[in-house]
C-alpha atoms as a PDB file:
ATOM      1  CA  MET A   1      76.757 142.006  63.156  1.00  0.00           C
ATOM      2  CA  LEU A   2      77.151 141.158  59.497  1.00  0.00           C
ATOM      3  CA  ALA A   3      80.049 143.570  59.274  1.00  0.00           C
ATOM      4  CA  ARG A   4      81.712 141.897  62.213  1.00  0.00           C
ATOM      5  CA  TRP A   5      81.218 138.495  60.529  1.00  0.00           C
ATOM      6  CA  ASN A   6      82.807 139.714  57.328  1.00  0.00           C
ATOM      7  CA  ASP A   7      85.621 141.260  59.271  1.00  0.00           C
ATOM      8  CA  ALA A   8      86.304 138.026  61.054  1.00  0.00           C
ATOM      9  CA  ARG A   9      86.202 136.008  57.791  1.00  0.00           C
ATOM     10  CA  SER A  10      88.751 138.318  56.228  1.00  0.00           C
ATOM     11  CA  VAL A  11      91.374 137.664  58.903  1.00  0.00           C
ATOM     12  CA  LEU A  12      90.780 133.890  59.313  1.00  0.00           C
ATOM     13  CA  PRO A  13      92.118 131.107  57.126  1.00  0.00           C
ATOM     14  CA  GLY A  14      89.300 129.326  55.316  1.00  0.00           C
ATOM     15  CA  ARG A  15      88.659 125.535  55.283  1.00  0.00           C
ATOM     16  CA  ARG A  16      88.134 124.143  51.787  1.00  0.00           C
ATOM     17  CA  GLY A  17      86.947 127.492  50.542  1.00  0.00           C
ATOM     18  CA  ARG A  18      84.695 128.049  53.594  1.00  0.00           C
ATOM     19  CA  SER A  19      85.495 129.924  56.773  1.00  0.00           C
ATOM     20  CA  GLY A  20      86.894 127.504  59.369  1.00  0.00           C
ATOM     21  CA  GLY A  21      85.663 126.602  62.844  1.00  0.00           C
ATOM     22  CA  VAL A  22      87.520 129.548  64.219  1.00  0.00           C
ATOM     23  CA  ALA A  23      85.399 132.000  62.344  1.00  0.00           C
ATOM     24  CA  ARG A  24      82.282 130.292  63.603  1.00  0.00           C
ATOM     25  CA  ALA A  25      83.641 130.488  67.112  1.00  0.00           C
ATOM     26  CA  VAL A  26      84.517 134.145  66.853  1.00  0.00           C
ATOM     27  CA  CYS A  27      81.168 135.231  65.541  1.00  0.00           C
ATOM     28  CA  PRO A  28      78.648 132.396  65.604  1.00  0.00           C
ATOM     29  CA  ARG A  29      75.788 134.585  64.422  1.00  0.00           C
ATOM     30  CA  ARG A  30      75.240 135.660  60.896  1.00  0.00           C
ATOM     31  CA  ALA A  31      72.482 137.989  59.757  1.00  0.00           C
ATOM     32  CA  GLY A  32      70.345 137.287  62.833  1.00  0.00           C
ATOM     33  CA  ARG A  33      70.394 133.517  62.752  1.00  0.00           C
ATOM     34  CA  VAL A  34      72.491 131.205  64.936  1.00  0.00           C
ATOM     35  CA  ARG A  35      75.176 129.247  63.125  1.00  0.00           C
ATOM     36  CA  PRO A  36      75.159 125.476  63.662  1.00  0.00           C
ATOM     37  CA  ALA A  37      77.194 124.378  66.698  1.00  0.00           C
ATOM     38  CA  VAL A  38      80.733 123.433  65.953  1.00  0.00           C
ATOM     39  CA  ARG A  39      82.246 120.248  67.355  1.00  0.00           C
ATOM     40  CA  ARG A  40      84.392 121.261  70.337  1.00  0.00           C
ATOM     41  CA  ASP A  41      87.499 119.509  69.107  1.00  0.00           C
ATOM     42  CA  GLN A  42      87.361 121.020  65.593  1.00  0.00           C
ATOM     43  CA  CYS A  43      88.491 124.510  66.629  1.00  0.00           C
ATOM     44  CA  PRO A  44      92.299 124.538  66.300  1.00  0.00           C
ATOM     45  CA  ALA A  45      92.611 127.560  68.515  1.00  0.00           C
ATOM     46  CA  VAL A  46      90.733 125.966  71.441  1.00  0.00           C
ATOM     47  CA  ARG A  47      92.558 122.533  71.428  1.00  0.00           C
ATOM     48  CA  PRO A  48      96.006 123.745  72.633  1.00  0.00           C
ATOM     49  CA  GLY A  49      94.618 125.780  75.443  1.00  0.00           C
ATOM     50  CA  VAL A  50      92.450 122.965  76.690  1.00  0.00           C
ATOM     51  CA  ALA A  51      95.290 120.441  76.729  1.00  0.00           C
ATOM     52  CA  GLY A  52      96.341 121.774  80.140  1.00  0.00           C
ATOM     53  CA  ALA A  53      93.185 120.428  81.813  1.00  0.00           C
ATOM     54  CA  ALA A  54      93.938 116.888  82.933  1.00  0.00           C
ATOM     55  CA  GLN A  55      90.597 115.092  82.837  1.00  0.00           C
ATOM     56  CA  PRO A  56      88.452 114.785  79.758  1.00  0.00           C
ATOM     57  CA  GLY A  57      85.505 116.256  81.649  1.00  0.00           C
ATOM     58  CA  ALA A  58      87.556 119.240  82.631  1.00  0.00           C
ATOM     59  CA  ARG A  59      88.654 119.772  79.010  1.00  0.00           C
ATOM     60  CA  ARG A  60      85.017 119.639  77.843  1.00  0.00           C
ATOM     61  CA  GLY A  61      84.058 122.146  80.500  1.00  0.00           C
ATOM     62  CA  VAL A  62      86.928 124.501  79.624  1.00  0.00           C
ATOM     63  CA  THR A  63      86.044 124.220  75.986  1.00  0.00           C
ATOM     64  CA  GLN A  64      82.397 124.955  76.687  1.00  0.00           C
ATOM     65  CA  GLU A  65      83.204 127.959  78.899  1.00  0.00           C
ATOM     66  CA  ALA A  66      85.633 129.279  76.257  1.00  0.00           C
ATOM     67  CA  TYR A  67      82.966 129.021  73.486  1.00  0.00           C
ATOM     68  CA  LEU A  68      80.430 130.645  75.764  1.00  0.00           C
ATOM     69  CA  GLU A  69      82.760 133.546  76.488  1.00  0.00           C
ATOM     70  CA  ILE A  70      83.677 133.870  72.834  1.00  0.00           C
ATOM     71  CA  TRP A  71      79.906 133.927  72.008  1.00  0.00           C
ATOM     72  CA  ARG A  72      79.287 136.634  74.617  1.00  0.00           C
ATOM     73  CA  THR A  73      82.307 138.794  73.824  1.00  0.00           C
ATOM     74  CA  SER A  74      82.460 138.441  70.025  1.00  0.00           C
ATOM     75  CA  ALA A  75      81.495 142.102  69.630  1.00  0.00           C
ATOM     76  CA  ARG A  76      84.647 143.133  71.405  1.00  0.00           C
ATOM     77  CA  PHE A  77      86.942 141.426  68.928  1.00  0.00           C
ATOM     78  CA  ASP A  78      89.119 143.969  67.219  1.00  0.00           C
ATOM     79  CA  SER A  79      91.294 142.711  64.337  1.00  0.00           C
ATOM     80  CA  ARG A  80      93.529 145.735  64.669  1.00  0.00           C
ATOM     81  CA  ARG A  81      94.641 144.470  68.120  1.00  0.00           C
ATOM     82  CA  GLY A  82      95.584 140.972  67.030  1.00  0.00           C
ATOM     83  CA  SER A  83      94.453 137.994  65.107  1.00  0.00           C
ATOM     84  CA  ALA A  84      91.334 136.043  65.879  1.00  0.00           C
ATOM     85  CA  ILE A  85      93.252 132.875  66.649  1.00  0.00           C
ATOM     86  CA  ALA A  86      95.350 134.760  69.230  1.00  0.00           C
ATOM     87  CA  TRP A  87      92.201 136.191  70.785  1.00  0.00           C
ATOM     88  CA  LEU A  88      90.574 132.697  70.879  1.00  0.00           C
ATOM     89  CA  MET A  89      93.688 131.127  72.340  1.00  0.00           C
ATOM     90  CA  THR A  90      93.928 133.845  75.015  1.00  0.00           C
ATOM     91  CA  ILE A  91      90.323 133.268  76.054  1.00  0.00           C
ATOM     92  CA  THR A  92      90.803 129.472  76.122  1.00  0.00           C
ATOM     93  CA  HIS A  93      94.106 129.693  77.982  1.00  0.00           C
ATOM     94  CA  ARG A  94      92.546 131.930  80.627  1.00  0.00           C
ATOM     95  CA  ARG A  95      89.672 129.466  81.117  1.00  0.00           C
ATOM     96  CA  ALA A  96      92.051 126.510  81.341  1.00  0.00           C
ATOM     97  CA  VAL A  97      94.229 128.274  83.892  1.00  0.00           C
ATOM     98  CA  ASP A  98      91.142 129.246  85.948  1.00  0.00           C
ATOM     99  CA  ARG A  99      89.972 125.629  85.840  1.00  0.00           C
ATOM    100  CA  VAL A 100      93.313 124.235  86.975  1.00  0.00           C
ATOM    101  CA  ARG A 101      93.711 126.824  89.714  1.00  0.00           C
ATOM    102  CA  SER A 102      90.182 126.199  90.927  1.00  0.00           C
ATOM    103  CA  ALA A 103      90.841 122.422  91.087  1.00  0.00           C
ATOM    104  CA  ALA A 104      94.106 122.947  92.937  1.00  0.00           C
ATOM    105  CA  ALA A 105      92.403 125.292  95.385  1.00  0.00           C
ATOM    106  CA  ALA A 106      89.677 122.723  95.973  1.00  0.00           C
ATOM    107  CA  ASP A 107      92.268 119.989  96.551  1.00  0.00           C
ATOM    108  CA  ARG A 108      94.033 122.279  99.084  1.00  0.00           C
ATOM    109  CA  ARG A 109      90.765 123.004 100.919  1.00  0.00           C
ATOM    110  CA  ASP A 110      89.963 119.233 101.043  1.00  0.00           C
ATOM    111  CA  ASP A 111      93.436 118.437 102.402  1.00  0.00           C
ATOM    112  CA  LEU A 112      93.259 121.200 104.970  1.00  0.00           C
ATOM    113  CA  PHE A 113      89.745 120.051 106.107  1.00  0.00           C
ATOM    114  CA  GLU A 114      91.012 116.459 106.336  1.00  0.00           C
ATOM    115  CA  GLN A 115      94.004 117.574 108.436  1.00  0.00           C
ATOM    116  CA  ARG A 116      91.882 119.542 110.788  1.00  0.00           C
ATOM    117  CA  THR A 117      89.144 116.939 111.219  1.00  0.00           C
ATOM    118  CA  ARG A 118      91.423 113.900 111.450  1.00  0.00           C
ATOM    119  CA  PRO A 119      91.509 112.365 114.914  1.00  0.00           C
ATOM    120  CA  ARG A 120      94.609 113.328 116.803  1.00  0.00           C
ATOM    121  CA  PRO A 121      97.203 110.648 117.068  1.00  0.00           C
ATOM    122  CA  TYR A 122      97.617 109.028 120.398  1.00  0.00           C
ATOM    123  CA  ASP A 123     100.058 110.973 122.633  1.00  0.00           C
ATOM    124  CA  VAL A 124     102.733 108.443 123.365  1.00  0.00           C
ATOM    125  CA  THR A 125     104.917 110.885 125.208  1.00  0.00           C
ATOM    126  CA  ALA A 126     102.281 111.780 127.713  1.00  0.00           C
ATOM    127  CA  GLU A 127     101.383 108.129 128.218  1.00  0.00           C
ATOM    128  CA  ASP A 128     105.058 107.230 128.763  1.00  0.00           C
ATOM    129  CA  ALA A 129     105.448 109.975 131.282  1.00  0.00           C
ATOM    130  CA  HIS A 130     102.300 108.854 133.144  1.00  0.00           C
ATOM    131  CA  ARG A 131     103.588 105.230 133.194  1.00  0.00           C
ATOM    132  CA  SER A 132     106.992 106.442 134.467  1.00  0.00           C
ATOM    133  CA  LEU A 133     105.398 108.387 137.279  1.00  0.00           C
ATOM    134  CA  GLU A 134     103.126 105.384 138.141  1.00  0.00           C
ATOM    135  CA  ALA A 135     106.159 103.067 138.074  1.00  0.00           C
ATOM    136  CA  HIS A 136     108.006 105.424 140.417  1.00  0.00           C
ATOM    137  CA  ARG A 137     105.010 105.442 142.815  1.00  0.00           C
ATOM    138  CA  VAL A 138     104.761 101.645 142.783  1.00  0.00           C
ATOM    139  CA  ARG A 139     108.529 101.205 143.399  1.00  0.00           C
ATOM    140  CA  LYS A 140     108.351 103.634 146.305  1.00  0.00           C
ATOM    141  CA  ALA A 141     105.335 101.824 147.721  1.00  0.00           C
ATOM    142  CA  LEU A 142     107.036  98.424 147.327  1.00  0.00           C
ATOM    143  CA  GLN A 143     109.904  99.715 149.475  1.00  0.00           C
ATOM    144  CA  GLN A 144     107.459 100.259 152.295  1.00  0.00           C
ATOM    145  CA  LEU A 145     106.577  96.514 152.357  1.00  0.00           C
ATOM    146  CA  THR A 146     108.352  93.982 154.551  1.00  0.00           C
ATOM    147  CA  ASP A 147     110.938  91.858 152.758  1.00  0.00           C
ATOM    148  CA  THR A 148     108.693  88.758 152.795  1.00  0.00           C
ATOM    149  CA  GLN A 149     105.625  90.730 151.473  1.00  0.00           C
ATOM    150  CA  ARG A 150     107.722  92.418 148.788  1.00  0.00           C
ATOM    151  CA  GLU A 151     109.268  89.141 147.638  1.00  0.00           C
ATOM    152  CA  ALA A 152     105.830  87.434 147.392  1.00  0.00           C
ATOM    153  CA  VAL A 153     104.177  90.342 145.563  1.00  0.00           C
ATOM    154  CA  GLU A 154     107.114  90.722 143.130  1.00  0.00           C
ATOM    155  CA  LEU A 155     107.058  87.041 142.249  1.00  0.00           C
ATOM    156  CA  ALA A 156     103.264  86.958 141.821  1.00  0.00           C
ATOM    157  CA  TYR A 157     102.611  90.178 139.960  1.00  0.00           C
ATOM    158  CA  LEU A 158     105.959  91.210 138.394  1.00  0.00           C
ATOM    159  CA  GLY A 159     107.291  87.690 137.852  1.00  0.00           C
ATOM    160  CA  GLY A 160     103.985  86.284 136.641  1.00  0.00           C
ATOM    161  CA  TYR A 161     104.031  83.242 138.958  1.00  0.00           C
ATOM    162  CA  THR A 162     100.874  81.608 140.327  1.00  0.00           C
ATOM    163  CA  HIS A 163     100.206  81.424 144.092  1.00  0.00           C
ATOM    164  CA  THR A 164     101.178  77.759 144.111  1.00  0.00           C
ATOM    165  CA  GLU A 165     104.473  78.543 142.323  1.00  0.00           C
ATOM    166  CA  VAL A 166     105.245  81.434 144.686  1.00  0.00           C
ATOM    167  CA  GLY A 167     104.793  78.980 147.605  1.00  0.00           C
ATOM    168  CA  GLN A 168     107.133  76.459 145.981  1.00  0.00           C
ATOM    169  CA  LEU A 169     109.758  79.049 145.100  1.00  0.00           C
ATOM    170  CA  LEU A 170     109.743  80.528 148.683  1.00  0.00           C
ATOM    171  CA  ASP A 171     109.418  77.047 150.251  1.00  0.00           C
ATOM    172  CA  LEU A 172     106.158  78.087 151.991  1.00  0.00           C
ATOM    173  CA  PRO A 173     102.756  76.421 152.315  1.00  0.00           C
ATOM    174  CA  LEU A 174     100.173  77.666 149.757  1.00  0.00           C
ATOM    175  CA  GLY A 175      98.046  79.400 152.450  1.00  0.00           C
ATOM    176  CA  THR A 176     101.042  81.300 153.796  1.00  0.00           C
ATOM    177  CA  ALA A 177     102.087  82.462 150.301  1.00  0.00           C
ATOM    178  CA  LYS A 178      98.540  83.658 149.612  1.00  0.00           C
ATOM    179  CA  THR A 179      98.481  85.550 152.935  1.00  0.00           C
ATOM    180  CA  ARG A 180     101.783  87.268 152.274  1.00  0.00           C
ATOM    181  CA  ILE A 181     100.640  88.358 148.824  1.00  0.00           C
ATOM    182  CA  ARG A 182      97.265  89.549 150.146  1.00  0.00           C
ATOM    183  CA  ASP A 183      98.839  91.489 153.010  1.00  0.00           C
ATOM    184  CA  GLY A 184     101.400  92.993 150.661  1.00  0.00           C
ATOM    185  CA  LEU A 185      98.634  94.137 148.246  1.00  0.00           C
ATOM    186  CA  ILE A 186      96.574  95.708 151.079  1.00  0.00           C
ATOM    187  CA  ARG A 187      99.654  97.582 152.322  1.00  0.00           C
ATOM    188  CA  LEU A 188     100.443  98.700 148.793  1.00  0.00           C
ATOM    189  CA  ARG A 189      96.886  99.982 148.370  1.00  0.00           C
ATOM    190  CA  ASP A 190      97.087 101.928 151.641  1.00  0.00           C
ATOM    191  CA  THR A 191     100.520 103.361 150.848  1.00  0.00           C
ATOM    192  CA  MET A 192      99.555 104.558 147.375  1.00  0.00           C
ATOM    193  CA  GLY A 193      96.236 105.988 148.533  1.00  0.00           C
ATOM    194  CA  VAL A 194      94.072 103.877 146.291  1.00  0.00           C
ATOM    195  CA  GLU A 195      90.396 103.728 147.267  1.00  0.00           C
ATOM    196  CA  ARG A 196      88.508 100.494 147.391  1.00  0.00           C
END
């Protein structure tokens, strides 16, 4: 492990004569002891890759996952294949992309669930068709009434007049107007086949 640490120090730029945060991130152990933890925002290789994560909590999570992976895979670092900073940035970038994709997939799942569980909108077309059929049945049944019954029923129920007003409009006594309306409604009920 000591050879790996020295190898990493030789390819990394130092910080005031010491190896920088990148070296500590690449190989955080030295001679069997754990190096002190580095502040997550000190590592210049990790900062750019984490910038893709939108929320600060996501950035911290990506940084922590990147450092954990760097810790676990530090033995695989090979300076002949590339610089340590490139290796760190690749790991960090992969973690950030994974985090963003995971969040996007979770959002899609939530949206899909909401779409599937949302109550269905009221079917206006079916209701309009039903009303149209009912209106046709009522018009057909109104044609079966006598002229005096139809006129009284239309004034009372379609015109919105009271029984007294129907009697005044038709120049009939109140009792006669009520009887014509009542007889017309009974005949409508029988014609349309409505049960009591």
